[in-house]
Amino acid sequence: MKRVDVHYGGFAYTIPDTTLDAVQAQIMSALRDGEALWLRVNYGSGSVLATDLLITSGTPVALAEIDDAE
């Protein structure tokens, strides 16, 4: 299973069951249209909390694809 780790505002979040390409495409599509994006992520381990991150053209964000099969 693949997931994407998102580093935003000094915290680490996760998006399960997706790929780096899919998340990048979602972000780039919103920014290309001049829109902000509320990106749904999970926060925490064990019991996770659904969290929305506001992504804008000036938002620093780092993405890393993790493959649990490896």
PDB file of N, CA and C in Angstrom:
ATOM      1  N   MET A   1       0.849  -1.177   0.000  1.00  0.00           N
ATOM      2  CA  MET A   1       0.000   0.000   0.000  1.00  0.00           C
ATOM      3  C   MET A   1       0.894   1.238   0.000  1.00  0.00           C
ATOM      4  N   LYS A   2       0.520   2.216  -0.784  1.00  0.00           N
ATOM      5  CA  LYS A   2       1.262   3.473  -0.830  1.00  0.00           C
ATOM      6  C   LYS A   2       0.509   4.547  -0.063  1.00  0.00           C
ATOM      7  N   ARG A   3       1.290   5.443   0.512  1.00  0.00           N
ATOM      8  CA  ARG A   3       0.720   6.612   1.164  1.00  0.00           C
ATOM      9  C   ARG A   3       1.673   7.772   0.900  1.00  0.00           C
ATOM     10  N   VAL A   4       1.194   8.974   1.158  1.00  0.00           N
ATOM     11  CA  VAL A   4       2.031  10.155   1.007  1.00  0.00           C
ATOM     12  C   VAL A   4       2.126  10.847   2.359  1.00  0.00           C
ATOM     13  N   ASP A   5       3.353  11.072   2.804  1.00  0.00           N
ATOM     14  CA  ASP A   5       3.580  11.863   4.007  1.00  0.00           C
ATOM     15  C   ASP A   5       3.664  13.329   3.591  1.00  0.00           C
ATOM     16  N   VAL A   6       2.998  14.172   4.356  1.00  0.00           N
ATOM     17  CA  VAL A   6       2.940  15.605   4.084  1.00  0.00           C
ATOM     18  C   VAL A   6       3.546  16.331   5.282  1.00  0.00           C
ATOM     19  N   HIS A   7       4.547  17.156   5.038  1.00  0.00           N
ATOM     20  CA  HIS A   7       5.151  17.965   6.096  1.00  0.00           C
ATOM     21  C   HIS A   7       4.706  19.406   5.873  1.00  0.00           C
ATOM     22  N   TYR A   8       4.020  19.948   6.873  1.00  0.00           N
ATOM     23  CA  TYR A   8       3.353  21.243   6.748  1.00  0.00           C
ATOM     24  C   TYR A   8       3.382  21.922   8.116  1.00  0.00           C
ATOM     25  N   GLY A   9       3.908  23.122   8.176  1.00  0.00           N
ATOM     26  CA  GLY A   9       3.891  23.885   9.425  1.00  0.00           C
ATOM     27  C   GLY A   9       4.626  23.225  10.577  1.00  0.00           C
ATOM     28  N   GLY A  10       5.637  22.426  10.268  1.00  0.00           N
ATOM     29  CA  GLY A  10       6.408  21.777  11.313  1.00  0.00           C
ATOM     30  C   GLY A  10       5.819  20.472  11.818  1.00  0.00           C
ATOM     31  N   PHE A  11       4.737  20.010  11.212  1.00  0.00           N
ATOM     32  CA  PHE A  11       4.096  18.763  11.619  1.00  0.00           C
ATOM     33  C   PHE A  11       4.057  17.790  10.445  1.00  0.00           C
ATOM     34  N   ALA A  12       3.978  16.511  10.770  1.00  0.00           N
ATOM     35  CA  ALA A  12       3.878  15.468   9.740  1.00  0.00           C
ATOM     36  C   ALA A  12       2.451  14.923   9.701  1.00  0.00           C
ATOM     37  N   TYR A  13       1.938  14.783   8.499  1.00  0.00           N
ATOM     38  CA  TYR A  13       0.599  14.268   8.244  1.00  0.00           C
ATOM     39  C   TYR A  13       0.714  13.140   7.216  1.00  0.00           C
ATOM     40  N   THR A  14      -0.369  12.386   7.031  1.00  0.00           N
ATOM     41  CA  THR A  14      -0.367  11.287   6.080  1.00  0.00           C
ATOM     42  C   THR A  14      -1.650  11.291   5.266  1.00  0.00           C
ATOM     43  N   ILE A  15      -1.502  10.927   3.983  1.00  0.00           N
ATOM     44  CA  ILE A  15      -2.659  10.668   3.121  1.00  0.00           C
ATOM     45  C   ILE A  15      -2.540   9.204   2.700  1.00  0.00           C
ATOM     46  N   PRO A  16      -3.457   8.344   3.164  1.00  0.00           N
ATOM     47  CA  PRO A  16      -3.346   6.917   2.848  1.00  0.00           C
ATOM     48  C   PRO A  16      -3.868   6.600   1.449  1.00  0.00           C
ATOM     49  N   ASP A  17      -3.437   5.448   0.940  1.00  0.00           N
ATOM     50  CA  ASP A  17      -3.967   4.899  -0.318  1.00  0.00           C
ATOM     51  C   ASP A  17      -3.885   5.867  -1.499  1.00  0.00           C
ATOM     52  N   THR A  18      -2.764   6.522  -1.668  1.00  0.00           N
ATOM     53  CA  THR A  18      -2.589   7.428  -2.798  1.00  0.00           C
ATOM     54  C   THR A  18      -1.121   7.420  -3.215  1.00  0.00           C
ATOM     55  N   THR A  19      -0.829   8.184  -4.246  1.00  0.00           N
ATOM     56  CA  THR A  19       0.548   8.275  -4.738  1.00  0.00           C
ATOM     57  C   THR A  19       0.992   9.732  -4.726  1.00  0.00           C
ATOM     58  N   LEU A  20       2.290   9.908  -4.796  1.00  0.00           N
ATOM     59  CA  LEU A  20       2.857  11.247  -4.861  1.00  0.00           C
ATOM     60  C   LEU A  20       2.336  11.990  -6.086  1.00  0.00           C
ATOM     61  N   ASP A  21       2.291  11.311  -7.234  1.00  0.00           N
ATOM     62  CA  ASP A  21       1.806  11.945  -8.464  1.00  0.00           C
ATOM     63  C   ASP A  21       0.374  12.443  -8.318  1.00  0.00           C
ATOM     64  N   ALA A  22      -0.486  11.675  -7.656  1.00  0.00           N
ATOM     65  CA  ALA A  22      -1.891  12.061  -7.494  1.00  0.00           C
ATOM     66  C   ALA A  22      -2.030  13.305  -6.609  1.00  0.00           C
ATOM     67  N   VAL A  23      -1.274  13.348  -5.531  1.00  0.00           N
ATOM     68  CA  VAL A  23      -1.353  14.507  -4.630  1.00  0.00           C
ATOM     69  C   VAL A  23      -0.765  15.745  -5.306  1.00  0.00           C
ATOM     70  N   GLN A  24       0.356  15.588  -5.991  1.00  0.00           N
ATOM     71  CA  GLN A  24       0.943  16.718  -6.713  1.00  0.00           C
ATOM     72  C   GLN A  24      -0.025  17.248  -7.769  1.00  0.00           C
ATOM     73  N   ALA A  25      -0.686  16.365  -8.491  1.00  0.00           N
ATOM     74  CA  ALA A  25      -1.640  16.787  -9.520  1.00  0.00           C
ATOM     75  C   ALA A  25      -2.806  17.553  -8.909  1.00  0.00           C
ATOM     76  N   GLN A  26      -3.294  17.093  -7.756  1.00  0.00           N
ATOM     77  CA  GLN A  26      -4.399  17.773  -7.068  1.00  0.00           C
ATOM     78  C   GLN A  26      -3.983  19.186  -6.651  1.00  0.00           C
ATOM     79  N   ILE A  27      -2.794  19.313  -6.085  1.00  0.00           N
ATOM     80  CA  ILE A  27      -2.304  20.618  -5.648  1.00  0.00           C
ATOM     81  C   ILE A  27      -2.055  21.532  -6.849  1.00  0.00           C
ATOM     82  N   MET A  28      -1.375  21.022  -7.867  1.00  0.00           N
ATOM     83  CA  MET A  28      -1.052  21.840  -9.037  1.00  0.00           C
ATOM     84  C   MET A  28      -2.296  22.287  -9.786  1.00  0.00           C
ATOM     85  N   SER A  29      -3.303  21.445  -9.848  1.00  0.00           N
ATOM     86  CA  SER A  29      -4.548  21.812 -10.525  1.00  0.00           C
ATOM     87  C   SER A  29      -5.207  23.004  -9.838  1.00  0.00           C
ATOM     88  N   ALA A  30      -5.284  22.973  -8.522  1.00  0.00           N
ATOM     89  CA  ALA A  30      -5.881  24.086  -7.785  1.00  0.00           C
ATOM     90  C   ALA A  30      -5.065  25.361  -7.956  1.00  0.00           C
ATOM     91  N   LEU A  31      -3.750  25.255  -7.829  1.00  0.00           N
ATOM     92  CA  LEU A  31      -2.901  26.441  -7.943  1.00  0.00           C
ATOM     93  C   LEU A  31      -2.905  27.014  -9.355  1.00  0.00           C
ATOM     94  N   ARG A  32      -2.952  26.142 -10.355  1.00  0.00           N
ATOM     95  CA  ARG A  32      -2.990  26.591 -11.749  1.00  0.00           C
ATOM     96  C   ARG A  32      -4.267  27.403 -12.016  1.00  0.00           C
ATOM     97  N   ASP A  33      -5.365  27.009 -11.340  1.00  0.00           N
ATOM     98  CA  ASP A  33      -6.631  27.722 -11.504  1.00  0.00           C
ATOM     99  C   ASP A  33      -6.719  28.944 -10.591  1.00  0.00           C
ATOM    100  N   GLY A  34      -5.642  29.224  -9.849  1.00  0.00           N
ATOM    101  CA  GLY A  34      -5.619  30.382  -8.966  1.00  0.00           C
ATOM    102  C   GLY A  34      -6.424  30.197  -7.698  1.00  0.00           C
ATOM    103  N   GLU A  35      -6.681  28.968  -7.325  1.00  0.00           N
ATOM    104  CA  GLU A  35      -7.504  28.673  -6.160  1.00  0.00           C
ATOM    105  C   GLU A  35      -6.647  28.163  -5.013  1.00  0.00           C
ATOM    106  N   ALA A  36      -7.194  28.270  -3.827  1.00  0.00           N
ATOM    107  CA  ALA A  36      -6.604  27.622  -2.659  1.00  0.00           C
ATOM    108  C   ALA A  36      -7.184  26.212  -2.589  1.00  0.00           C
ATOM    109  N   LEU A  37      -6.509  25.331  -1.874  1.00  0.00           N
ATOM    110  CA  LEU A  37      -6.952  23.945  -1.756  1.00  0.00           C
ATOM    111  C   LEU A  37      -6.967  23.539  -0.298  1.00  0.00           C
ATOM    112  N   TRP A  38      -8.072  22.967   0.145  1.00  0.00           N
ATOM    113  CA  TRP A  38      -8.113  22.322   1.451  1.00  0.00           C
ATOM    114  C   TRP A  38      -7.757  20.869   1.216  1.00  0.00           C
ATOM    115  N   LEU A  39      -6.573  20.472   1.661  1.00  0.00           N
ATOM    116  CA  LEU A  39      -6.056  19.126   1.458  1.00  0.00           C
ATOM    117  C   LEU A  39      -6.377  18.284   2.688  1.00  0.00           C
ATOM    118  N   ARG A  40      -7.176  17.222   2.510  1.00  0.00           N
ATOM    119  CA  ARG A  40      -7.568  16.336   3.618  1.00  0.00           C
ATOM    120  C   ARG A  40      -6.446  15.357   3.909  1.00  0.00           C
ATOM    121  N   VAL A  41      -5.967  15.359   5.151  1.00  0.00           N
ATOM    122  CA  VAL A  41      -4.873  14.503   5.592  1.00  0.00           C
ATOM    123  C   VAL A  41      -5.254  13.859   6.917  1.00  0.00           C
ATOM    124  N   ASN A  42      -4.435  12.928   7.381  1.00  0.00           N
ATOM    125  CA  ASN A  42      -4.588  12.336   8.709  1.00  0.00           C
ATOM    126  C   ASN A  42      -3.457  12.825   9.593  1.00  0.00           C
ATOM    127  N   TYR A  43      -3.787  13.062  10.864  1.00  0.00           N
ATOM    128  CA  TYR A  43      -2.792  13.472  11.843  1.00  0.00           C
ATOM    129  C   TYR A  43      -2.796  12.470  12.989  1.00  0.00           C
ATOM    130  N   GLY A  44      -1.614  12.053  13.416  1.00  0.00           N
ATOM    131  CA  GLY A  44      -1.487  11.150  14.549  1.00  0.00           C
ATOM    132  C   GLY A  44      -1.215   9.731  14.103  1.00  0.00           C
ATOM    133  N   SER A  45      -0.958   8.881  15.083  1.00  0.00           N
ATOM    134  CA  SER A  45      -0.747   7.466  14.801  1.00  0.00           C
ATOM    135  C   SER A  45      -1.639   6.664  15.741  1.00  0.00           C
ATOM    136  N   GLY A  46      -2.025   5.480  15.298  1.00  0.00           N
ATOM    137  CA  GLY A  46      -2.995   4.709  16.069  1.00  0.00           C
ATOM    138  C   GLY A  46      -4.372   5.279  15.819  1.00  0.00           C
ATOM    139  N   SER A  47      -4.826   6.152  16.680  1.00  0.00           N
ATOM    140  CA  SER A  47      -6.096   6.839  16.489  1.00  0.00           C
ATOM    141  C   SER A  47      -5.816   8.135  15.733  1.00  0.00           C
ATOM    142  N   VAL A  48      -6.204   8.173  14.462  1.00  0.00           N
ATOM    143  CA  VAL A  48      -5.885   9.341  13.639  1.00  0.00           C
ATOM    144  C   VAL A  48      -7.032  10.338  13.621  1.00  0.00           C
ATOM    145  N   LEU A  49      -6.677  11.570  13.369  1.00  0.00           N
ATOM    146  CA  LEU A  49      -7.630  12.663  13.308  1.00  0.00           C
ATOM    147  C   LEU A  49      -7.615  13.242  11.902  1.00  0.00           C
ATOM    148  N   ALA A  50      -8.760  13.243  11.221  1.00  0.00           N
ATOM    149  CA  ALA A  50      -8.851  13.858   9.895  1.00  0.00           C
ATOM    150  C   ALA A  50      -8.641  15.361  10.055  1.00  0.00           C
ATOM    151  N   THR A  51      -7.771  15.906   9.216  1.00  0.00           N
ATOM    152  CA  THR A  51      -7.372  17.306   9.312  1.00  0.00           C
ATOM    153  C   THR A  51      -7.324  17.903   7.910  1.00  0.00           C
ATOM    154  N   ASP A  52      -7.713  19.155   7.769  1.00  0.00           N
ATOM    155  CA  ASP A  52      -7.642  19.845   6.486  1.00  0.00           C
ATOM    156  C   ASP A  52      -6.534  20.897   6.550  1.00  0.00           C
ATOM    157  N   LEU A  53      -5.641  20.856   5.555  1.00  0.00           N
ATOM    158  CA  LEU A  53      -4.553  21.828   5.452  1.00  0.00           C
ATOM    159  C   LEU A  53      -4.855  22.785   4.309  1.00  0.00           C
ATOM    160  N   LEU A  54      -4.704  24.082   4.535  1.00  0.00           N
ATOM    161  CA  LEU A  54      -4.935  25.076   3.498  1.00  0.00           C
ATOM    162  C   LEU A  54      -3.669  25.244   2.675  1.00  0.00           C
ATOM    163  N   ILE A  55      -3.752  24.899   1.393  1.00  0.00           N
ATOM    164  CA  ILE A  55      -2.622  25.013   0.475  1.00  0.00           C
ATOM    165  C   ILE A  55      -2.880  26.200  -0.449  1.00  0.00           C
ATOM    166  N   THR A  56      -1.938  27.155  -0.465  1.00  0.00           N
ATOM    167  CA  THR A  56      -2.017  28.311  -1.355  1.00  0.00           C
ATOM    168  C   THR A  56      -0.693  28.424  -2.098  1.00  0.00           C
ATOM    169  N   SER A  57      -0.593  29.391  -2.982  1.00  0.00           N
ATOM    170  CA  SER A  57       0.629  29.524  -3.783  1.00  0.00           C
ATOM    171  C   SER A  57       1.859  29.817  -2.934  1.00  0.00           C
ATOM    172  N   GLY A  58       1.710  30.351  -1.731  1.00  0.00           N
ATOM    173  CA  GLY A  58       2.853  30.665  -0.889  1.00  0.00           C
ATOM    174  C   GLY A  58       3.083  29.678   0.243  1.00  0.00           C
ATOM    175  N   THR A  59       2.379  28.560   0.218  1.00  0.00           N
ATOM    176  CA  THR A  59       2.467  27.595   1.308  1.00  0.00           C
ATOM    177  C   THR A  59       3.653  26.647   1.128  1.00  0.00           C
ATOM    178  N   PRO A  60       4.583  26.622   2.084  1.00  0.00           N
ATOM    179  CA  PRO A  60       5.656  25.628   1.996  1.00  0.00           C
ATOM    180  C   PRO A  60       5.131  24.258   2.452  1.00  0.00           C
ATOM    181  N   VAL A  61       5.289  23.273   1.589  1.00  0.00           N
ATOM    182  CA  VAL A  61       4.817  21.926   1.899  1.00  0.00           C
ATOM    183  C   VAL A  61       5.796  20.927   1.267  1.00  0.00           C
ATOM    184  N   ALA A  62       6.066  19.850   1.969  1.00  0.00           N
ATOM    185  CA  ALA A  62       6.931  18.798   1.435  1.00  0.00           C
ATOM    186  C   ALA A  62       6.133  17.497   1.387  1.00  0.00           C
ATOM    187  N   LEU A  63       6.308  16.753   0.299  1.00  0.00           N
ATOM    188  CA  LEU A  63       5.595  15.499   0.095  1.00  0.00           C
ATOM    189  C   LEU A  63       6.606  14.367  -0.070  1.00  0.00           C
ATOM    190  N   ALA A  64       6.297  13.217   0.506  1.00  0.00           N
ATOM    191  CA  ALA A  64       7.152  12.035   0.357  1.00  0.00           C
ATOM    192  C   ALA A  64       6.271  10.809   0.189  1.00  0.00           C
ATOM    193  N   GLU A  65       6.515  10.048  -0.876  1.00  0.00           N
ATOM    194  CA  GLU A  65       5.739   8.823  -1.109  1.00  0.00           C
ATOM    195  C   GLU A  65       6.361   7.673  -0.321  1.00  0.00           C
ATOM    196  N   ILE A  66       5.525   6.950   0.404  1.00  0.00           N
ATOM    197  CA  ILE A  66       5.956   5.824   1.210  1.00  0.00           C
ATOM    198  C   ILE A  66       5.246   4.572   0.684  1.00  0.00           C
ATOM    199  N   ASP A  67       6.031   3.523   0.409  1.00  0.00           N
ATOM    200  CA  ASP A  67       5.475   2.246  -0.047  1.00  0.00           C
ATOM    201  C   ASP A  67       5.672   1.233   1.075  1.00  0.00           C
ATOM    202  N   ASP A  68       4.604   0.891   1.759  1.00  0.00           N
ATOM    203  CA  ASP A  68       4.699  -0.040   2.884  1.00  0.00           C
ATOM    204  C   ASP A  68       5.091  -1.446   2.471  1.00  0.00           C
ATOM    205  N   ALA A  69       4.988  -1.774   1.185  1.00  0.00           N
ATOM    206  CA  ALA A  69       5.345  -3.097   0.713  1.00  0.00           C
ATOM    207  C   ALA A  69       6.849  -3.319   0.707  1.00  0.00           C
ATOM    208  N   GLU A  70       7.622  -2.247   0.701  1.00  0.00           N
ATOM    209  CA  GLU A  70       9.087  -2.367   0.640  1.00  0.00           C
ATOM    210  C   GLU A  70       9.689  -2.560   2.010  1.00  0.00           C
TER     211      GLU A  70
END
